Amino acid sequence: MSANAQPNDARLTWQGIRHYLNGHRHDLARIADRLYPDHERVGSTPLLTRDDWRLSEPLALDRIALKWTDSAPPPAVTGDEREVRPALLEGSTTYAATMMNHGRPGLFENRPCYRLLDVGWPGLSFTRGSYFDGVNVGEAVAHELATTRLSQADGLPFRSLIGDPTDLSRRAALPAVSMLTLRRDGRTGEMTFVLHWRDPARVAHGGGLYQVMPVGIFQPVSEATEVEDFDLWKCVVREYGEEFLGRSELYDEAFTYDSWPFYQRLEQARADGRLRSFALGLGVDPLTFATDLLAVTVIEAETFDTILGDIVENNEEGRVVGATGIPFRADQVARYVHDEPMQAAGAAVLELAWKHRQALAP
């Protein structure tokens, strides 16, 4: 911004960059990918990973041991450093505050989240975090890269300050569960899946990209349920209700899992073996540093049709793609992994699921 630019000019410039970011996330992710030539990747995708984050075979979701600590050190970078200031507007001290005042999407609330501290399969260690912790770093580094791309300037000071995106001590990593859902026909063995197109007007992250579904940040319903909701499967079930069936993300104080028929039906299917969920690994998006637990659920066709068959066309985060079922075949997997604007985590879980397809549906 020039020295004589007016505040309104700065706002429009910031919003213009934000619009460019939301319209070019896939291209910008490819650019960001090239910034980390020495990092490991999940298969042929740009999702960054580490050797100790990989899984040689699918790990049953209920075998993951979650560990909690109240005494974790704060991350090295929080998003209030001087290097982030060019991505902010005057009067805002964080990127989330700028978004709140000048570019707020439909879903934007600083809710509690679980912050990932360490990965040691089959265990994951967590502490307390909040949604804006991730926005203040992840969306700010994406904004910085978009600005540099538009201006053709050199240097990414905020991204450089953070350093290794897979170093969980450098920033608050708030993992999402990226769950590919496979509907399996037991008679033929054929499987299908659905995808989600994330609407940039409704979401803060991943707008304009395809993603598997459901996907949701690992978080409790509220601060009051932090202990009860420290469970990956409960998080996944809430996302199934929200993304597949259009349920609101808001839960009243009277909500309990024991009194929720949808949850009970999925629990019974899980207990009977008609529904099986697995973790496939973990990775980090090179553009925004979004951290994802890569997972897949295989549901027998009759159970899928009974519990999840009435899929909505649109939900609070975007629109459903392939509600009648995209064939889980090599050509379709390759299409979305390589040819379509797919979020890195979604491409990674699709590729891993195809790699492990015989183990997932023996």
Foldseek 3Di string as FASTA:
>chain_A
DDPPDDLVNVLVVLVVLVVVCLQCVLVLLVVLLVVCVPFDDQPPFSWGDDPQQFDPAWAFQVQQAEAEDADDDAAQDQLQDPLLVVSAGPPDRFNLVRCVVRPPAQDRDFAKFWFWDDDHPSYTYTYIDTDVSLVRQQVSQLSQSSVCVVVVDDDRVSVVQLPDLHNSRNGGAFAKAQEWEWAAAPVVRWIFTKKFAFDVRQDVPDHRAIGGPDMDTQGDLHPVCRPVSNGNVVVRLLRLCCQFVQDDSHDDPPDDLVPDVLSVLVVVCVVVVQKTKTWRGKGARSNRSHIYGQMYMYHYNVSCCVRRLNGDQAYSGGGMGQSVGDTLDPVVLCCRLPPGRHGSSRNSSSVSCVVNVVVNRD
